[in-house]
Amino acid sequence: MKYTMAQYTVRPEKVGAVKNAIAEFVAQIREHEPRTLYLVFRGNGQNTFVHWMRFENEAAERRHAQARYNDRFVKRLLPNCIGKATFSEYGLMAATKQHWSL
């Protein structure tokens, strides 16, 4: 199972708009992708956000990438970012909770 991390920094005056966009995006994922694990973190007092995602399989990841709500989120997010988002892939080695693996 593959985990993907996305990290980006937003302009300080745009944090509120980005938080709203994230809330809407996560609600869409929750509704349309019930088996996707999607977590969003924000650095304490910072403008840096980190998204962790895990998809059931490659087809689920492809559906997520091609979803209209994903496209809408990216279009709302990018104008508010400082620089580009970075993406990294990871493999899970160990976890204390079963929900981390399907």
N, C-alpha and C. Protein backbone atom coordinates (compact mmCIF):
# COMPACT_ATOMS: atom_id res chain seq x y z
N MET A 1 0.84 -1.17 0.00
CA MET A 1 0.00 0.00 0.00
C MET A 1 0.89 1.24 0.00
N LYS A 2 0.53 2.18 -0.81
CA LYS A 2 1.33 3.39 -0.97
C LYS A 2 0.65 4.56 -0.26
N TYR A 3 1.44 5.34 0.41
CA TYR A 3 0.98 6.58 1.03
C TYR A 3 1.64 7.74 0.30
N THR A 4 0.89 8.79 0.08
CA THR A 4 1.42 9.97 -0.59
C THR A 4 1.30 11.16 0.34
N MET A 5 2.36 11.95 0.41
CA MET A 5 2.35 13.17 1.19
C MET A 5 2.51 14.35 0.25
N ALA A 6 1.64 15.33 0.41
CA ALA A 6 1.75 16.59 -0.34
C ALA A 6 1.99 17.70 0.67
N GLN A 7 2.89 18.59 0.37
CA GLN A 7 3.21 19.69 1.28
C GLN A 7 3.29 20.99 0.49
N TYR A 8 2.72 22.05 1.07
CA TYR A 8 2.76 23.36 0.41
C TYR A 8 2.63 24.45 1.46
N THR A 9 3.01 25.66 1.07
CA THR A 9 2.91 26.83 1.94
C THR A 9 2.04 27.85 1.24
N VAL A 10 1.15 28.49 2.01
CA VAL A 10 0.26 29.49 1.44
C VAL A 10 0.61 30.87 1.97
N ARG A 11 0.18 31.87 1.23
CA ARG A 11 0.37 33.26 1.66
C ARG A 11 -0.39 33.47 2.96
N PRO A 12 0.21 34.16 3.93
CA PRO A 12 -0.42 34.32 5.25
C PRO A 12 -1.85 34.86 5.18
N GLU A 13 -2.10 35.80 4.29
CA GLU A 13 -3.43 36.40 4.21
C GLU A 13 -4.46 35.49 3.54
N LYS A 14 -4.01 34.34 3.01
CA LYS A 14 -4.90 33.41 2.31
C LYS A 14 -5.19 32.14 3.10
N VAL A 15 -4.70 32.05 4.33
CA VAL A 15 -4.89 30.84 5.13
C VAL A 15 -6.37 30.52 5.32
N GLY A 16 -7.19 31.53 5.60
CA GLY A 16 -8.62 31.30 5.80
C GLY A 16 -9.28 30.72 4.57
N ALA A 17 -8.97 31.27 3.40
CA ALA A 17 -9.55 30.77 2.16
C ALA A 17 -9.10 29.33 1.89
N VAL A 18 -7.85 29.03 2.18
CA VAL A 18 -7.33 27.68 1.96
C VAL A 18 -7.98 26.71 2.94
N LYS A 19 -8.15 27.09 4.18
CA LYS A 19 -8.82 26.22 5.15
C LYS A 19 -10.24 25.90 4.70
N ASN A 20 -10.95 26.87 4.16
CA ASN A 20 -12.30 26.63 3.65
C ASN A 20 -12.26 25.66 2.47
N ALA A 21 -11.32 25.86 1.56
CA ALA A 21 -11.20 24.96 0.40
C ALA A 21 -10.87 23.54 0.85
N ILE A 22 -10.01 23.40 1.85
CA ILE A 22 -9.66 22.07 2.37
C ILE A 22 -10.88 21.41 2.98
N ALA A 23 -11.65 22.15 3.76
CA ALA A 23 -12.84 21.58 4.41
C ALA A 23 -13.82 21.04 3.36
N GLU A 24 -14.04 21.80 2.30
CA GLU A 24 -14.94 21.36 1.23
C GLU A 24 -14.38 20.14 0.51
N PHE A 25 -13.08 20.16 0.25
CA PHE A 25 -12.43 19.07 -0.44
C PHE A 25 -12.51 17.77 0.36
N VAL A 26 -12.20 17.85 1.63
CA VAL A 26 -12.23 16.66 2.48
C VAL A 26 -13.66 16.12 2.60
N ALA A 27 -14.65 17.00 2.65
CA ALA A 27 -16.05 16.56 2.69
C ALA A 27 -16.40 15.78 1.42
N GLN A 28 -15.91 16.23 0.27
CA GLN A 28 -16.15 15.52 -0.99
C GLN A 28 -15.45 14.16 -1.00
N ILE A 29 -14.24 14.11 -0.50
CA ILE A 29 -13.53 12.83 -0.41
C ILE A 29 -14.29 11.89 0.50
N ARG A 30 -14.73 12.38 1.64
CA ARG A 30 -15.47 11.56 2.60
C ARG A 30 -16.73 10.98 1.94
N GLU A 31 -17.40 11.79 1.15
CA GLU A 31 -18.64 11.35 0.50
C GLU A 31 -18.38 10.37 -0.64
N HIS A 32 -17.40 10.65 -1.48
CA HIS A 32 -17.20 9.88 -2.70
C HIS A 32 -16.12 8.80 -2.61
N GLU A 33 -15.29 8.85 -1.59
CA GLU A 33 -14.19 7.89 -1.46
C GLU A 33 -14.13 7.34 -0.04
N PRO A 34 -15.13 6.57 0.36
CA PRO A 34 -15.19 6.13 1.76
C PRO A 34 -14.01 5.28 2.23
N ARG A 35 -13.29 4.67 1.31
CA ARG A 35 -12.15 3.83 1.70
C ARG A 35 -10.81 4.53 1.57
N THR A 36 -10.84 5.82 1.25
CA THR A 36 -9.61 6.59 1.17
C THR A 36 -9.31 7.19 2.54
N LEU A 37 -8.09 7.02 2.99
CA LEU A 37 -7.63 7.68 4.21
C LEU A 37 -7.00 8.99 3.77
N TYR A 38 -7.54 10.10 4.28
CA TYR A 38 -7.05 11.42 3.88
C TYR A 38 -6.92 12.27 5.12
N LEU A 39 -5.73 12.71 5.42
CA LEU A 39 -5.44 13.51 6.61
C LEU A 39 -4.78 14.81 6.19
N VAL A 40 -5.16 15.90 6.84
CA VAL A 40 -4.55 17.19 6.55
C VAL A 40 -4.04 17.77 7.86
N PHE A 41 -2.80 18.23 7.84
CA PHE A 41 -2.17 18.85 9.01
C PHE A 41 -1.72 20.25 8.64
N ARG A 42 -1.70 21.10 9.65
CA ARG A 42 -1.14 22.45 9.47
C ARG A 42 -0.10 22.65 10.56
N GLY A 43 1.06 23.16 10.18
CA GLY A 43 2.09 23.45 11.16
C GLY A 43 1.58 24.47 12.16
N ASN A 44 1.83 24.27 13.44
CA ASN A 44 1.35 25.18 14.48
C ASN A 44 1.84 26.60 14.21
N GLY A 45 0.90 27.51 14.03
CA GLY A 45 1.23 28.90 13.80
C GLY A 45 1.93 29.16 12.48
N GLN A 46 1.86 28.20 11.57
CA GLN A 46 2.55 28.33 10.29
C GLN A 46 1.55 28.33 9.15
N ASN A 47 2.04 28.60 7.98
CA ASN A 47 1.22 28.60 6.77
C ASN A 47 1.53 27.40 5.90
N THR A 48 2.12 26.38 6.50
CA THR A 48 2.47 25.17 5.78
C THR A 48 1.46 24.08 6.10
N PHE A 49 0.98 23.43 5.05
CA PHE A 49 -0.01 22.35 5.17
C PHE A 49 0.60 21.07 4.62
N VAL A 50 0.22 19.96 5.24
CA VAL A 50 0.66 18.65 4.80
C VAL A 50 -0.57 17.76 4.66
N HIS A 51 -0.70 17.12 3.50
CA HIS A 51 -1.80 16.18 3.26
C HIS A 51 -1.20 14.78 3.16
N TRP A 52 -1.76 13.85 3.92
CA TRP A 52 -1.38 12.44 3.82
C TRP A 52 -2.57 11.71 3.21
N MET A 53 -2.31 10.89 2.22
CA MET A 53 -3.40 10.15 1.60
C MET A 53 -2.99 8.71 1.33
N ARG A 54 -3.97 7.84 1.46
CA ARG A 54 -3.75 6.43 1.18
C ARG A 54 -5.00 5.93 0.45
N PHE A 55 -4.79 5.33 -0.70
CA PHE A 55 -5.88 4.85 -1.52
C PHE A 55 -5.92 3.33 -1.49
N GLU A 56 -7.12 2.80 -1.68
CA GLU A 56 -7.33 1.36 -1.62
C GLU A 56 -6.47 0.62 -2.66
N ASN A 57 -6.35 1.22 -3.84
CA ASN A 57 -5.57 0.62 -4.91
C ASN A 57 -5.27 1.70 -5.96
N GLU A 58 -4.58 1.32 -7.01
CA GLU A 58 -4.21 2.29 -8.04
C GLU A 58 -5.43 2.87 -8.75
N ALA A 59 -6.46 2.06 -8.94
CA ALA A 59 -7.68 2.55 -9.59
C ALA A 59 -8.34 3.63 -8.74
N ALA A 60 -8.36 3.44 -7.43
CA ALA A 60 -8.94 4.44 -6.52
C ALA A 60 -8.13 5.73 -6.56
N GLU A 61 -6.81 5.59 -6.64
CA GLU A 61 -5.96 6.78 -6.73
C GLU A 61 -6.21 7.53 -8.04
N ARG A 62 -6.38 6.79 -9.11
CA ARG A 62 -6.67 7.40 -10.41
C ARG A 62 -8.02 8.12 -10.39
N ARG A 63 -9.05 7.49 -9.80
CA ARG A 63 -10.37 8.13 -9.70
C ARG A 63 -10.28 9.41 -8.90
N HIS A 64 -9.50 9.40 -7.83
CA HIS A 64 -9.32 10.60 -7.01
C HIS A 64 -8.66 11.70 -7.84
N ALA A 65 -7.60 11.36 -8.54
CA ALA A 65 -6.85 12.34 -9.33
C ALA A 65 -7.71 12.94 -10.44
N GLN A 66 -8.66 12.17 -10.96
CA GLN A 66 -9.49 12.63 -12.07
C GLN A 66 -10.83 13.22 -11.63
N ALA A 67 -11.09 13.23 -10.33
CA ALA A 67 -12.38 13.73 -9.83
C ALA A 67 -12.49 15.24 -10.01
N ARG A 68 -13.70 15.68 -10.32
CA ARG A 68 -13.94 17.12 -10.48
C ARG A 68 -13.63 17.90 -9.21
N TYR A 69 -13.95 17.32 -8.05
CA TYR A 69 -13.70 18.03 -6.79
C TYR A 69 -12.20 18.18 -6.54
N ASN A 70 -11.38 17.25 -7.03
CA ASN A 70 -9.93 17.39 -6.91
C ASN A 70 -9.45 18.55 -7.79
N ASP A 71 -9.94 18.59 -9.01
CA ASP A 71 -9.58 19.67 -9.92
C ASP A 71 -10.00 21.03 -9.35
N ARG A 72 -11.21 21.08 -8.81
CA ARG A 72 -11.72 22.33 -8.22
C ARG A 72 -10.84 22.78 -7.05
N PHE A 73 -10.44 21.82 -6.20
CA PHE A 73 -9.58 22.15 -5.06
C PHE A 73 -8.24 22.71 -5.53
N VAL A 74 -7.62 22.05 -6.48
CA VAL A 74 -6.32 22.50 -6.99
C VAL A 74 -6.43 23.91 -7.57
N LYS A 75 -7.48 24.17 -8.31
CA LYS A 75 -7.66 25.51 -8.89
C LYS A 75 -7.87 26.58 -7.84
N ARG A 76 -8.49 26.21 -6.73
CA ARG A 76 -8.67 27.17 -5.63
C ARG A 76 -7.39 27.34 -4.83
N LEU A 77 -6.62 26.29 -4.72
CA LEU A 77 -5.42 26.30 -3.88
C LEU A 77 -4.24 27.02 -4.54
N LEU A 78 -3.92 26.66 -5.76
CA LEU A 78 -2.68 27.12 -6.40
C LEU A 78 -2.45 28.63 -6.38
N PRO A 79 -3.46 29.46 -6.64
CA PRO A 79 -3.20 30.91 -6.62
C PRO A 79 -2.81 31.44 -5.24
N ASN A 80 -3.08 30.65 -4.20
CA ASN A 80 -2.80 31.08 -2.83
C ASN A 80 -1.46 30.57 -2.29
N CYS A 81 -0.77 29.77 -3.09
CA CYS A 81 0.47 29.14 -2.63
C CYS A 81 1.70 30.00 -2.91
N ILE A 82 2.68 29.80 -2.06
CA ILE A 82 4.01 30.34 -2.27
C ILE A 82 4.83 29.18 -2.84
N GLY A 83 5.18 29.25 -4.09
CA GLY A 83 5.89 28.15 -4.71
C GLY A 83 4.96 27.00 -5.06
N LYS A 84 5.55 25.85 -5.34
CA LYS A 84 4.79 24.67 -5.76
C LYS A 84 4.69 23.67 -4.63
N ALA A 85 3.65 22.86 -4.69
CA ALA A 85 3.50 21.76 -3.75
C ALA A 85 4.53 20.68 -4.08
N THR A 86 4.99 19.98 -3.06
CA THR A 86 5.87 18.83 -3.26
C THR A 86 5.11 17.57 -2.90
N PHE A 87 5.36 16.51 -3.63
CA PHE A 87 4.71 15.23 -3.40
C PHE A 87 5.78 14.17 -3.17
N SER A 88 5.55 13.32 -2.18
CA SER A 88 6.47 12.23 -1.86
C SER A 88 5.65 10.97 -1.61
N GLU A 89 6.18 9.83 -1.99
CA GLU A 89 5.50 8.56 -1.77
C GLU A 89 6.23 7.75 -0.71
N TYR A 90 5.43 7.04 0.11
CA TYR A 90 5.96 6.26 1.22
C TYR A 90 5.27 4.91 1.28
N GLY A 91 5.93 3.95 1.89
CA GLY A 91 5.33 2.66 2.20
C GLY A 91 5.24 2.52 3.71
N LEU A 92 4.11 2.04 4.19
CA LEU A 92 3.90 1.89 5.63
C LEU A 92 4.75 0.74 6.17
N MET A 93 5.48 1.00 7.24
CA MET A 93 6.28 -0.03 7.88
C MET A 93 5.60 -0.59 9.11
N ALA A 94 4.98 0.28 9.92
CA ALA A 94 4.35 -0.17 11.16
C ALA A 94 3.32 0.86 11.59
N ALA A 95 2.32 0.39 12.35
CA ALA A 95 1.28 1.30 12.88
C ALA A 95 0.71 0.72 14.16
N THR A 96 0.24 1.58 15.03
CA THR A 96 -0.37 1.12 16.27
C THR A 96 -1.86 0.89 16.12
N LYS A 97 -2.45 1.39 15.06
CA LYS A 97 -3.90 1.26 14.85
C LYS A 97 -4.16 0.53 13.54
N GLN A 98 -5.15 -0.34 13.52
CA GLN A 98 -5.48 -1.11 12.33
C GLN A 98 -6.03 -0.24 11.21
N HIS A 99 -6.68 0.88 11.54
CA HIS A 99 -7.31 1.69 10.49
C HIS A 99 -6.31 2.24 9.50
N TRP A 100 -5.04 2.16 9.80
CA TRP A 100 -4.03 2.66 8.88
C TRP A 100 -3.83 1.74 7.69
N SER A 101 -4.29 0.51 7.80
CA SER A 101 -4.17 -0.39 6.67
C SER A 101 -5.54 -0.98 6.38
N LEU A 102 -5.84 -1.14 5.09
CA LEU A 102 -7.15 -1.68 4.70
C LEU A 102 -7.19 -3.17 4.86
